[in-house]
N, C-alpha and C. Protein backbone atom coordinates (compact mmCIF):
# COMPACT_ATOMS: atom_id res chain seq x y z
N MET A 1 0.85 -1.17 0.00
CA MET A 1 0.00 0.00 0.00
C MET A 1 0.90 1.23 0.00
N THR A 2 0.61 2.18 -0.89
CA THR A 2 1.42 3.39 -0.99
C THR A 2 1.02 4.35 0.10
N GLU A 3 1.92 5.31 0.37
CA GLU A 3 1.65 6.32 1.40
C GLU A 3 0.44 7.16 1.01
N GLN A 4 0.33 7.48 -0.30
CA GLN A 4 -0.81 8.26 -0.82
C GLN A 4 -2.13 7.53 -0.54
N HIS A 5 -2.14 6.22 -0.85
CA HIS A 5 -3.34 5.42 -0.68
C HIS A 5 -3.69 5.31 0.81
N SER A 6 -2.69 5.13 1.65
CA SER A 6 -2.88 5.03 3.10
C SER A 6 -3.47 6.32 3.66
N THR A 7 -2.99 7.47 3.21
CA THR A 7 -3.49 8.77 3.67
C THR A 7 -4.95 8.95 3.26
N GLU A 8 -5.28 8.53 2.05
CA GLU A 8 -6.67 8.65 1.56
C GLU A 8 -7.61 7.80 2.41
N GLU A 9 -7.18 6.59 2.76
CA GLU A 9 -8.00 5.69 3.59
C GLU A 9 -8.24 6.30 4.97
N VAL A 10 -7.19 6.86 5.54
CA VAL A 10 -7.31 7.49 6.86
C VAL A 10 -8.27 8.67 6.79
N LEU A 11 -8.14 9.50 5.75
CA LEU A 11 -9.03 10.66 5.59
C LEU A 11 -10.48 10.22 5.42
N LYS A 12 -10.71 9.12 4.70
CA LYS A 12 -12.07 8.61 4.53
C LYS A 12 -12.65 8.16 5.87
N LEU A 13 -11.81 7.48 6.65
CA LEU A 13 -12.27 7.03 7.97
C LEU A 13 -12.59 8.21 8.88
N VAL A 14 -11.76 9.24 8.84
CA VAL A 14 -12.00 10.45 9.65
C VAL A 14 -13.29 11.12 9.22
N ASP A 15 -13.49 11.26 7.90
CA ASP A 15 -14.72 11.87 7.38
C ASP A 15 -15.95 11.08 7.82
N LYS A 16 -15.84 9.76 7.74
CA LYS A 16 -16.98 8.92 8.13
C LYS A 16 -17.28 9.08 9.62
N ALA A 17 -16.25 9.12 10.45
CA ALA A 17 -16.43 9.26 11.89
C ALA A 17 -17.04 10.61 12.25
N GLN A 18 -16.70 11.65 11.48
CA GLN A 18 -17.21 12.99 11.78
C GLN A 18 -18.56 13.28 11.14
N ALA A 19 -18.97 12.46 10.20
CA ALA A 19 -20.24 12.70 9.49
C ALA A 19 -21.41 12.48 10.44
N LYS A 20 -22.44 13.29 10.26
CA LYS A 20 -23.64 13.10 11.06
C LYS A 20 -24.33 11.85 10.59
N GLY A 21 -24.69 11.02 11.57
CA GLY A 21 -25.33 9.76 11.24
C GLY A 21 -26.85 9.91 11.17
N VAL A 22 -27.49 8.84 10.82
CA VAL A 22 -28.94 8.79 10.83
C VAL A 22 -29.34 7.74 11.85
N PHE A 23 -30.56 7.86 12.35
CA PHE A 23 -31.04 6.86 13.28
C PHE A 23 -32.54 6.71 13.12
N ASP A 24 -33.05 5.60 13.60
CA ASP A 24 -34.48 5.29 13.55
C ASP A 24 -35.07 5.65 14.90
N ILE A 25 -35.87 6.71 14.95
CA ILE A 25 -36.42 7.20 16.22
C ILE A 25 -37.31 6.15 16.89
N THR A 26 -38.02 5.37 16.09
CA THR A 26 -38.89 4.35 16.68
C THR A 26 -38.08 3.31 17.43
N GLU A 27 -36.99 2.83 16.80
CA GLU A 27 -36.14 1.86 17.47
C GLU A 27 -35.46 2.49 18.69
N PHE A 28 -35.05 3.74 18.55
CA PHE A 28 -34.37 4.44 19.63
C PHE A 28 -35.28 4.59 20.85
N ALA A 29 -36.56 4.86 20.61
CA ALA A 29 -37.51 5.15 21.70
C ALA A 29 -38.07 3.91 22.37
N LYS A 30 -38.02 2.76 21.71
CA LYS A 30 -38.66 1.55 22.25
C LYS A 30 -38.13 1.21 23.64
N GLY A 31 -38.95 1.47 24.65
CA GLY A 31 -38.65 1.03 26.00
C GLY A 31 -37.47 1.69 26.68
N ARG A 32 -36.77 2.61 25.99
CA ARG A 32 -35.56 3.17 26.57
C ARG A 32 -35.83 4.25 27.61
N ALA A 33 -36.87 5.00 27.41
CA ALA A 33 -37.08 6.16 28.27
C ALA A 33 -37.96 5.85 29.47
N TYR A 34 -38.31 4.59 29.66
CA TYR A 34 -39.25 4.27 30.72
C TYR A 34 -38.51 3.78 31.96
N PRO A 35 -38.97 4.20 33.12
CA PRO A 35 -38.27 3.81 34.35
C PRO A 35 -38.44 2.33 34.65
N GLU A 36 -37.47 1.80 35.34
CA GLU A 36 -37.50 0.40 35.76
C GLU A 36 -37.35 0.34 37.27
N ASP A 37 -37.98 -0.66 37.86
CA ASP A 37 -37.87 -0.86 39.30
C ASP A 37 -38.21 -2.31 39.61
N VAL A 38 -38.05 -2.70 40.85
CA VAL A 38 -38.35 -4.07 41.26
C VAL A 38 -39.29 -4.07 42.46
N VAL A 39 -40.02 -5.16 42.57
CA VAL A 39 -40.82 -5.45 43.76
C VAL A 39 -40.28 -6.76 44.31
N THR A 40 -39.80 -6.72 45.54
CA THR A 40 -39.30 -7.93 46.19
C THR A 40 -40.34 -8.39 47.20
N ALA A 41 -40.71 -9.66 47.12
CA ALA A 41 -41.75 -10.18 48.00
C ALA A 41 -41.36 -11.58 48.47
N TYR A 42 -41.97 -11.99 49.56
CA TYR A 42 -41.76 -13.33 50.12
C TYR A 42 -43.12 -14.00 50.17
N LEU A 43 -43.24 -15.16 49.51
CA LEU A 43 -44.54 -15.78 49.32
C LEU A 43 -44.94 -16.75 50.42
N ASP A 44 -44.00 -17.17 51.25
CA ASP A 44 -44.32 -18.13 52.32
C ASP A 44 -44.90 -17.37 53.52
N VAL A 45 -46.17 -17.01 53.39
CA VAL A 45 -46.85 -16.23 54.42
C VAL A 45 -47.00 -17.03 55.71
N GLN A 46 -47.23 -18.33 55.59
CA GLN A 46 -47.41 -19.18 56.77
C GLN A 46 -46.15 -19.16 57.64
N SER A 47 -44.98 -19.36 57.01
CA SER A 47 -43.73 -19.35 57.78
C SER A 47 -43.45 -17.98 58.37
N ALA A 48 -43.77 -16.92 57.62
CA ALA A 48 -43.58 -15.56 58.13
C ALA A 48 -44.46 -15.32 59.35
N TYR A 49 -45.68 -15.83 59.30
CA TYR A 49 -46.61 -15.68 60.43
C TYR A 49 -46.08 -16.43 61.66
N GLU A 50 -45.63 -17.68 61.44
CA GLU A 50 -45.08 -18.47 62.54
C GLU A 50 -43.83 -17.81 63.12
N LEU A 51 -43.00 -17.23 62.26
CA LEU A 51 -41.79 -16.54 62.70
C LEU A 51 -42.14 -15.34 63.56
N SER A 52 -43.18 -14.62 63.17
CA SER A 52 -43.64 -13.48 63.94
C SER A 52 -44.08 -13.91 65.34
N LYS A 53 -44.82 -15.03 65.42
CA LYS A 53 -45.26 -15.55 66.72
C LYS A 53 -44.05 -15.98 67.57
N LEU A 54 -43.08 -16.62 66.94
CA LEU A 54 -41.88 -17.05 67.67
C LEU A 54 -41.10 -15.85 68.21
N ASN A 55 -40.99 -14.81 67.40
CA ASN A 55 -40.27 -13.60 67.85
C ASN A 55 -40.94 -13.01 69.09
N GLU A 56 -42.25 -13.07 69.12
CA GLU A 56 -42.99 -12.57 70.29
C GLU A 56 -42.68 -13.43 71.52
N GLN A 57 -42.67 -14.75 71.33
CA GLN A 57 -42.38 -15.67 72.44
C GLN A 57 -40.95 -15.50 72.95
N MET A 58 -40.01 -15.21 72.05
CA MET A 58 -38.60 -15.09 72.44
C MET A 58 -38.36 -13.89 73.36
N ARG A 59 -39.21 -12.90 73.29
CA ARG A 59 -39.02 -11.71 74.13
C ARG A 59 -39.12 -12.02 75.62
N SER A 60 -39.93 -13.03 75.94
CA SER A 60 -40.13 -13.32 77.37
C SER A 60 -39.66 -14.73 77.73
N ALA A 61 -38.89 -15.39 76.86
CA ALA A 61 -38.47 -16.77 77.11
C ALA A 61 -37.26 -16.83 78.03
N ASP A 62 -37.20 -17.91 78.83
CA ASP A 62 -36.02 -18.14 79.68
C ASP A 62 -34.89 -18.64 78.78
N PRO A 63 -33.66 -18.60 79.24
CA PRO A 63 -32.50 -18.95 78.40
C PRO A 63 -32.58 -20.32 77.73
N ASP A 64 -33.07 -21.33 78.44
CA ASP A 64 -33.14 -22.67 77.85
C ASP A 64 -34.17 -22.71 76.71
N THR A 65 -35.32 -22.13 76.97
CA THR A 65 -36.39 -22.10 75.95
C THR A 65 -35.96 -21.23 74.78
N LEU A 66 -35.26 -20.13 75.07
CA LEU A 66 -34.82 -19.20 74.03
C LEU A 66 -33.93 -19.90 73.00
N ALA A 67 -33.05 -20.77 73.45
CA ALA A 67 -32.15 -21.48 72.53
C ALA A 67 -32.96 -22.34 71.55
N VAL A 68 -34.00 -23.02 72.05
CA VAL A 68 -34.85 -23.86 71.19
C VAL A 68 -35.61 -22.99 70.20
N LEU A 69 -36.18 -21.88 70.71
CA LEU A 69 -36.97 -20.98 69.86
C LEU A 69 -36.11 -20.33 68.78
N GLU A 70 -34.87 -19.98 69.13
CA GLU A 70 -33.96 -19.37 68.15
C GLU A 70 -33.65 -20.33 67.01
N LYS A 71 -33.50 -21.63 67.34
CA LYS A 71 -33.24 -22.63 66.31
C LYS A 71 -34.46 -22.73 65.38
N GLN A 72 -35.66 -22.77 65.96
CA GLN A 72 -36.88 -22.83 65.15
C GLN A 72 -37.02 -21.57 64.29
N ALA A 73 -36.69 -20.42 64.89
CA ALA A 73 -36.80 -19.15 64.16
C ALA A 73 -35.85 -19.12 62.97
N LYS A 74 -34.65 -19.66 63.16
CA LYS A 74 -33.68 -19.69 62.07
C LYS A 74 -34.19 -20.55 60.91
N GLU A 75 -34.77 -21.70 61.23
CA GLU A 75 -35.31 -22.59 60.20
C GLU A 75 -36.45 -21.90 59.44
N LEU A 76 -37.34 -21.23 60.20
CA LEU A 76 -38.46 -20.53 59.56
C LEU A 76 -37.96 -19.37 58.69
N ALA A 77 -36.95 -18.66 59.18
CA ALA A 77 -36.41 -17.53 58.42
C ALA A 77 -35.82 -18.02 57.10
N GLU A 78 -35.16 -19.17 57.12
CA GLU A 78 -34.60 -19.74 55.89
C GLU A 78 -35.71 -20.12 54.91
N LYS A 79 -36.83 -20.66 55.43
CA LYS A 79 -37.97 -21.00 54.57
C LYS A 79 -38.55 -19.73 53.94
N VAL A 80 -38.67 -18.68 54.74
CA VAL A 80 -39.19 -17.41 54.20
C VAL A 80 -38.25 -16.90 53.11
N MET A 81 -36.95 -16.92 53.35
CA MET A 81 -35.98 -16.42 52.37
C MET A 81 -36.04 -17.23 51.07
N GLN A 82 -36.31 -18.53 51.17
CA GLN A 82 -36.40 -19.37 49.97
C GLN A 82 -37.65 -19.05 49.14
N SER A 83 -38.61 -18.34 49.74
CA SER A 83 -39.83 -17.99 49.00
C SER A 83 -39.73 -16.61 48.36
N LYS A 84 -38.52 -16.06 48.36
CA LYS A 84 -38.31 -14.72 47.79
C LYS A 84 -38.56 -14.71 46.29
N ILE A 85 -39.29 -13.71 45.84
CA ILE A 85 -39.57 -13.49 44.42
C ILE A 85 -39.29 -12.02 44.13
N VAL A 86 -38.58 -11.76 43.02
CA VAL A 86 -38.32 -10.38 42.61
C VAL A 86 -39.00 -10.15 41.26
N PHE A 87 -39.93 -9.20 41.25
CA PHE A 87 -40.62 -8.82 40.02
C PHE A 87 -39.89 -7.63 39.41
N HIS A 88 -39.31 -7.81 38.24
CA HIS A 88 -38.63 -6.73 37.53
C HIS A 88 -39.66 -6.07 36.61
N MET A 89 -39.84 -4.75 36.76
CA MET A 89 -40.89 -4.06 36.04
C MET A 89 -40.35 -2.83 35.32
N ARG A 90 -41.02 -2.46 34.21
CA ARG A 90 -40.65 -1.28 33.44
C ARG A 90 -41.94 -0.56 33.04
N GLY A 91 -41.91 0.77 33.10
CA GLY A 91 -43.07 1.56 32.68
C GLY A 91 -43.38 1.36 31.21
N VAL A 92 -44.60 1.71 30.83
CA VAL A 92 -45.03 1.55 29.44
C VAL A 92 -45.50 2.89 28.89
N ASN A 93 -45.62 2.96 27.57
CA ASN A 93 -46.02 4.21 26.95
C ASN A 93 -47.53 4.39 26.93
N GLN A 94 -47.96 5.60 26.60
CA GLN A 94 -49.37 5.95 26.61
C GLN A 94 -50.16 5.13 25.59
N ALA A 95 -49.56 4.83 24.45
CA ALA A 95 -50.24 4.05 23.42
C ALA A 95 -50.63 2.67 23.96
N ASN A 96 -49.75 2.08 24.75
CA ASN A 96 -50.02 0.77 25.35
C ASN A 96 -51.20 0.86 26.32
N ILE A 97 -51.22 1.90 27.13
CA ILE A 97 -52.31 2.10 28.09
C ILE A 97 -53.64 2.27 27.34
N GLU A 98 -53.62 3.08 26.28
CA GLU A 98 -54.84 3.31 25.50
C GLU A 98 -55.33 2.03 24.85
N LYS A 99 -54.41 1.21 24.32
CA LYS A 99 -54.77 -0.06 23.69
C LYS A 99 -55.45 -0.97 24.70
N ILE A 100 -54.89 -1.08 25.89
CA ILE A 100 -55.46 -1.92 26.95
C ILE A 100 -56.85 -1.41 27.33
N THR A 101 -56.98 -0.10 27.44
CA THR A 101 -58.27 0.50 27.80
C THR A 101 -59.33 0.19 26.75
N ILE A 102 -58.99 0.34 25.48
CA ILE A 102 -59.94 0.06 24.39
C ILE A 102 -60.36 -1.41 24.40
N GLU A 103 -59.38 -2.31 24.60
CA GLU A 103 -59.70 -3.75 24.64
C GLU A 103 -60.63 -4.07 25.80
N CYS A 104 -60.40 -3.47 26.95
CA CYS A 104 -61.27 -3.71 28.12
C CYS A 104 -62.65 -3.10 27.90
N ASP A 105 -62.71 -1.94 27.26
CA ASP A 105 -64.00 -1.31 26.96
C ASP A 105 -64.84 -2.20 26.04
N LYS A 106 -64.19 -2.83 25.05
CA LYS A 106 -64.91 -3.71 24.13
C LYS A 106 -65.44 -4.95 24.86
N LYS A 107 -64.61 -5.49 25.72
CA LYS A 107 -64.96 -6.74 26.41
C LYS A 107 -65.98 -6.50 27.52
N TYR A 108 -65.85 -5.38 28.23
CA TYR A 108 -66.73 -5.07 29.36
C TYR A 108 -67.26 -3.65 29.20
N PRO A 109 -68.33 -3.48 28.43
CA PRO A 109 -68.86 -2.13 28.22
C PRO A 109 -69.26 -1.46 29.54
N THR A 110 -69.11 -0.14 29.57
CA THR A 110 -69.45 0.61 30.77
C THR A 110 -70.96 0.72 30.91
N SER A 111 -71.40 1.03 32.12
CA SER A 111 -72.82 1.27 32.37
C SER A 111 -72.96 2.66 33.00
N THR A 112 -74.17 3.09 33.16
CA THR A 112 -74.43 4.40 33.76
C THR A 112 -75.19 4.19 35.06
N ASP A 113 -74.73 4.85 36.13
CA ASP A 113 -75.41 4.70 37.41
C ASP A 113 -76.59 5.67 37.53
N ALA A 114 -77.26 5.67 38.68
CA ALA A 114 -78.46 6.50 38.89
C ALA A 114 -78.16 7.99 38.79
N PHE A 115 -76.90 8.38 38.96
CA PHE A 115 -76.51 9.79 38.90
C PHE A 115 -76.01 10.19 37.51
N GLY A 116 -76.09 9.26 36.56
CA GLY A 116 -75.65 9.55 35.20
C GLY A 116 -74.14 9.43 35.00
N GLN A 117 -73.45 8.86 36.00
CA GLN A 117 -72.00 8.69 35.92
C GLN A 117 -71.67 7.38 35.22
N THR A 118 -70.63 7.39 34.39
CA THR A 118 -70.17 6.18 33.73
C THR A 118 -69.44 5.31 34.75
N VAL A 119 -69.79 4.02 34.75
CA VAL A 119 -69.23 3.10 35.74
C VAL A 119 -68.61 1.91 35.01
N ASN A 120 -67.39 1.56 35.40
CA ASN A 120 -66.76 0.35 34.88
C ASN A 120 -67.10 -0.81 35.80
N SER A 121 -67.28 -1.98 35.20
CA SER A 121 -67.60 -3.17 36.00
C SER A 121 -66.36 -3.64 36.75
N PRO A 122 -66.57 -4.43 37.81
CA PRO A 122 -65.40 -4.99 38.53
C PRO A 122 -64.52 -5.84 37.61
N GLU A 123 -65.16 -6.53 36.63
CA GLU A 123 -64.38 -7.34 35.69
C GLU A 123 -63.48 -6.46 34.83
N TRP A 124 -64.00 -5.29 34.41
CA TRP A 124 -63.21 -4.34 33.62
C TRP A 124 -61.98 -3.90 34.41
N ILE A 125 -62.20 -3.53 35.66
CA ILE A 125 -61.10 -3.05 36.51
C ILE A 125 -60.07 -4.14 36.73
N ARG A 126 -60.56 -5.38 37.00
CA ARG A 126 -59.64 -6.50 37.22
C ARG A 126 -58.78 -6.75 35.98
N GLU A 127 -59.42 -6.80 34.82
CA GLU A 127 -58.69 -7.10 33.58
C GLU A 127 -57.76 -5.95 33.20
N TRP A 128 -58.20 -4.72 33.34
CA TRP A 128 -57.39 -3.54 33.00
C TRP A 128 -56.13 -3.51 33.86
N THR A 129 -56.31 -3.75 35.17
CA THR A 129 -55.16 -3.74 36.09
C THR A 129 -54.19 -4.87 35.76
N ALA A 130 -54.73 -6.07 35.53
CA ALA A 130 -53.88 -7.22 35.21
C ALA A 130 -53.14 -7.00 33.89
N ALA A 131 -53.82 -6.42 32.90
CA ALA A 131 -53.18 -6.17 31.60
C ALA A 131 -52.05 -5.16 31.74
N LEU A 132 -52.26 -4.13 32.54
CA LEU A 132 -51.19 -3.15 32.75
C LEU A 132 -50.00 -3.76 33.48
N ILE A 133 -50.28 -4.56 34.49
CA ILE A 133 -49.17 -5.21 35.21
C ILE A 133 -48.42 -6.15 34.25
N ALA A 134 -49.17 -6.89 33.43
CA ALA A 134 -48.52 -7.79 32.46
C ALA A 134 -47.61 -7.01 31.53
N SER A 135 -48.07 -5.84 31.08
CA SER A 135 -47.25 -5.04 30.16
C SER A 135 -46.03 -4.43 30.86
N ASN A 136 -46.10 -4.29 32.18
CA ASN A 136 -44.97 -3.75 32.96
C ASN A 136 -43.94 -4.82 33.34
N LEU A 137 -44.37 -6.08 33.40
CA LEU A 137 -43.48 -7.14 33.85
C LEU A 137 -42.42 -7.46 32.79
N VAL A 138 -41.17 -7.39 33.19
CA VAL A 138 -40.06 -7.73 32.30
C VAL A 138 -39.63 -9.17 32.56
N ARG A 139 -39.49 -9.53 33.84
CA ARG A 139 -39.12 -10.89 34.22
C ARG A 139 -39.39 -11.05 35.72
N ILE A 140 -39.44 -12.31 36.14
CA ILE A 140 -39.62 -12.63 37.56
C ILE A 140 -38.48 -13.57 37.94
N GLU A 141 -37.87 -13.26 39.08
CA GLU A 141 -36.68 -14.00 39.53
C GLU A 141 -36.98 -14.66 40.87
N ASN A 142 -36.55 -15.92 41.05
CA ASN A 142 -36.76 -16.57 42.35
C ASN A 142 -35.51 -16.46 43.22
N ALA A 143 -35.58 -17.04 44.40
CA ALA A 143 -34.48 -16.92 45.38
C ALA A 143 -33.19 -17.56 44.88
N ASN A 144 -33.28 -18.49 43.93
CA ASN A 144 -32.08 -19.15 43.38
C ASN A 144 -31.51 -18.41 42.18
N GLY A 145 -32.12 -17.28 41.82
CA GLY A 145 -31.65 -16.51 40.67
C GLY A 145 -32.18 -17.02 39.34
N GLU A 146 -33.11 -17.98 39.37
CA GLU A 146 -33.72 -18.47 38.14
C GLU A 146 -34.74 -17.46 37.64
N MET A 147 -34.83 -17.32 36.32
CA MET A 147 -35.66 -16.27 35.71
C MET A 147 -36.83 -16.84 34.93
N ASP A 148 -37.96 -16.18 35.05
CA ASP A 148 -39.10 -16.41 34.16
C ASP A 148 -39.19 -15.15 33.30
N GLU A 149 -38.76 -15.27 32.04
CA GLU A 149 -38.65 -14.10 31.16
C GLU A 149 -39.63 -14.14 30.00
N ARG A 150 -40.71 -14.90 30.15
CA ARG A 150 -41.69 -14.96 29.06
C ARG A 150 -42.38 -13.61 28.89
N GLU A 151 -43.09 -13.44 27.81
CA GLU A 151 -43.91 -12.25 27.63
C GLU A 151 -45.22 -12.52 28.35
N PHE A 152 -45.42 -11.86 29.48
CA PHE A 152 -46.57 -12.14 30.33
C PHE A 152 -47.85 -11.62 29.70
N THR A 153 -48.90 -12.44 29.78
CA THR A 153 -50.21 -12.06 29.25
C THR A 153 -51.12 -11.63 30.40
N THR A 154 -52.23 -11.04 30.04
CA THR A 154 -53.24 -10.68 31.04
C THR A 154 -53.68 -11.92 31.80
N GLU A 155 -53.89 -13.01 31.08
CA GLU A 155 -54.33 -14.26 31.71
C GLU A 155 -53.29 -14.78 32.69
N ASP A 156 -52.00 -14.67 32.33
CA ASP A 156 -50.92 -15.09 33.25
C ASP A 156 -51.03 -14.32 34.57
N VAL A 157 -51.24 -13.01 34.46
CA VAL A 157 -51.26 -12.17 35.65
C VAL A 157 -52.53 -12.40 36.47
N ILE A 158 -53.66 -12.62 35.79
CA ILE A 158 -54.89 -12.93 36.53
C ILE A 158 -54.71 -14.23 37.32
N MET A 159 -54.10 -15.24 36.69
CA MET A 159 -53.86 -16.50 37.39
C MET A 159 -52.88 -16.29 38.54
N LEU A 160 -51.84 -15.52 38.29
CA LEU A 160 -50.85 -15.21 39.33
C LEU A 160 -51.52 -14.53 40.52
N ARG A 161 -52.42 -13.62 40.22
CA ARG A 161 -53.14 -12.88 41.28
C ARG A 161 -53.88 -13.83 42.22
N HIS A 162 -54.42 -14.92 41.67
CA HIS A 162 -55.16 -15.89 42.49
C HIS A 162 -54.26 -16.62 43.47
N HIS A 163 -52.95 -16.64 43.20
CA HIS A 163 -52.03 -17.40 44.04
C HIS A 163 -51.14 -16.51 44.92
N LEU A 164 -51.15 -15.21 44.66
CA LEU A 164 -50.30 -14.31 45.45
C LEU A 164 -51.02 -13.85 46.71
N PRO A 165 -50.27 -13.66 47.79
CA PRO A 165 -50.88 -13.00 48.95
C PRO A 165 -51.34 -11.59 48.56
N LYS A 166 -52.43 -11.12 49.18
CA LYS A 166 -52.99 -9.81 48.83
C LYS A 166 -51.94 -8.71 48.96
N GLU A 167 -51.10 -8.79 49.98
CA GLU A 167 -50.09 -7.75 50.20
C GLU A 167 -49.12 -7.67 49.02
N VAL A 168 -48.79 -8.81 48.43
CA VAL A 168 -47.87 -8.84 47.29
C VAL A 168 -48.56 -8.25 46.06
N TRP A 169 -49.82 -8.64 45.84
CA TRP A 169 -50.58 -8.08 44.72
C TRP A 169 -50.66 -6.57 44.84
N ASP A 170 -50.93 -6.08 46.04
CA ASP A 170 -51.03 -4.63 46.26
C ASP A 170 -49.71 -3.93 45.93
N LEU A 171 -48.58 -4.58 46.25
CA LEU A 171 -47.27 -4.01 45.93
C LEU A 171 -47.07 -3.92 44.42
N LEU A 172 -47.52 -4.94 43.69
CA LEU A 172 -47.40 -4.93 42.22
C LEU A 172 -48.25 -3.82 41.61
N VAL A 173 -49.47 -3.67 42.11
CA VAL A 173 -50.36 -2.62 41.60
C VAL A 173 -49.74 -1.25 41.87
N GLU A 174 -49.23 -1.07 43.08
CA GLU A 174 -48.63 0.23 43.43
C GLU A 174 -47.43 0.54 42.55
N LYS A 175 -46.57 -0.46 42.31
CA LYS A 175 -45.38 -0.23 41.47
C LYS A 175 -45.78 0.04 40.03
N MET A 176 -46.78 -0.68 39.52
CA MET A 176 -47.27 -0.45 38.16
C MET A 176 -47.76 0.99 38.03
N GLN A 177 -48.50 1.46 39.04
CA GLN A 177 -49.01 2.84 39.00
C GLN A 177 -47.86 3.85 39.01
N GLN A 178 -46.85 3.60 39.83
CA GLN A 178 -45.70 4.52 39.88
C GLN A 178 -45.00 4.57 38.54
N LEU A 179 -44.76 3.41 37.93
CA LEU A 179 -44.04 3.36 36.66
C LEU A 179 -44.87 3.90 35.51
N THR A 180 -46.17 3.64 35.55
CA THR A 180 -47.06 4.12 34.49
C THR A 180 -47.23 5.63 34.54
N LEU A 181 -47.23 6.17 35.73
CA LEU A 181 -47.42 7.61 35.90
C LEU A 181 -46.10 8.36 35.97
N ALA A 182 -44.99 7.70 35.64
CA ALA A 182 -43.68 8.34 35.76
C ALA A 182 -43.56 9.57 34.89
N GLY A 183 -44.31 9.63 33.80
CA GLY A 183 -44.30 10.83 32.95
C GLY A 183 -44.73 12.06 33.71
N ALA A 184 -45.64 11.87 34.67
CA ALA A 184 -46.09 13.00 35.49
C ALA A 184 -44.94 13.50 36.36
N TYR A 185 -44.08 12.59 36.83
CA TYR A 185 -42.93 13.02 37.62
C TYR A 185 -41.99 13.85 36.75
N PHE A 186 -41.79 13.40 35.51
CA PHE A 186 -40.92 14.12 34.58
C PHE A 186 -41.46 15.52 34.34
N LYS A 187 -42.78 15.63 34.12
CA LYS A 187 -43.39 16.94 33.90
C LYS A 187 -43.19 17.82 35.14
N GLY A 188 -43.33 17.22 36.32
CA GLY A 188 -43.12 17.97 37.56
C GLY A 188 -41.70 18.50 37.65
N LEU A 189 -40.72 17.71 37.22
CA LEU A 189 -39.32 18.16 37.25
C LEU A 189 -39.11 19.33 36.30
N THR A 190 -39.69 19.25 35.10
CA THR A 190 -39.49 20.34 34.14
C THR A 190 -40.22 21.59 34.62
N ASP A 191 -41.41 21.43 35.20
CA ASP A 191 -42.14 22.59 35.70
C ASP A 191 -41.41 23.25 36.87
N ALA A 192 -40.72 22.44 37.67
CA ALA A 192 -40.00 22.98 38.82
C ALA A 192 -38.65 23.57 38.44
N GLY A 193 -38.27 23.46 37.17
CA GLY A 193 -37.02 24.07 36.72
C GLY A 193 -35.80 23.20 36.88
N PHE A 194 -35.97 21.90 37.22
CA PHE A 194 -34.81 21.02 37.38
C PHE A 194 -34.21 20.64 36.04
N LEU A 195 -35.08 20.57 35.01
CA LEU A 195 -34.60 20.23 33.68
C LEU A 195 -35.02 21.32 32.72
N PRO A 196 -34.24 21.57 31.67
CA PRO A 196 -34.64 22.60 30.72
C PRO A 196 -35.90 22.18 29.98
N LYS A 197 -36.77 23.16 29.65
CA LYS A 197 -38.02 22.85 28.99
C LYS A 197 -37.88 22.78 27.48
N SER A 198 -36.76 23.18 26.94
CA SER A 198 -36.60 23.09 25.48
C SER A 198 -35.24 22.53 25.14
């Protein structure tokens, strides 16, 4: 390769590196700007309840009894820890929320109450909430680090709801609401002057 040819190649590479590129905004925007968070829960409610009772007994136990209770408490604590589940969640865009709402409206039409107010049925609310949680779920991890990374459906989440303790379900609903409404937090930041508006 001649020095002339080598210089031309280098100049071409420099020009290419400095040239403004193009990008696909749709691909760029897919899921990137949405917040992510986790919900950590323990599903062995029975062992947690028994552990709570044991902790109460240990407060007033004599030394001999305390040693036995501490051993039982350790075993129960290990069982509770083995029931750990981590739900990895990500917020969704407005189009997704609108799509879910339209699908629920078709399946469960609204009614009007005695005051002329539009009312959604309990089935509509259940399905709408489950569909939003399904769209927020990225993966579920167990205590051993094993992952369930399928694309969760509304039906998956409705079935899951039947098996989860109410407290865990409430945590998922709360996290879904936080992630879904995260755009409102962003607007609040721009209104408060933390981020530039243009």
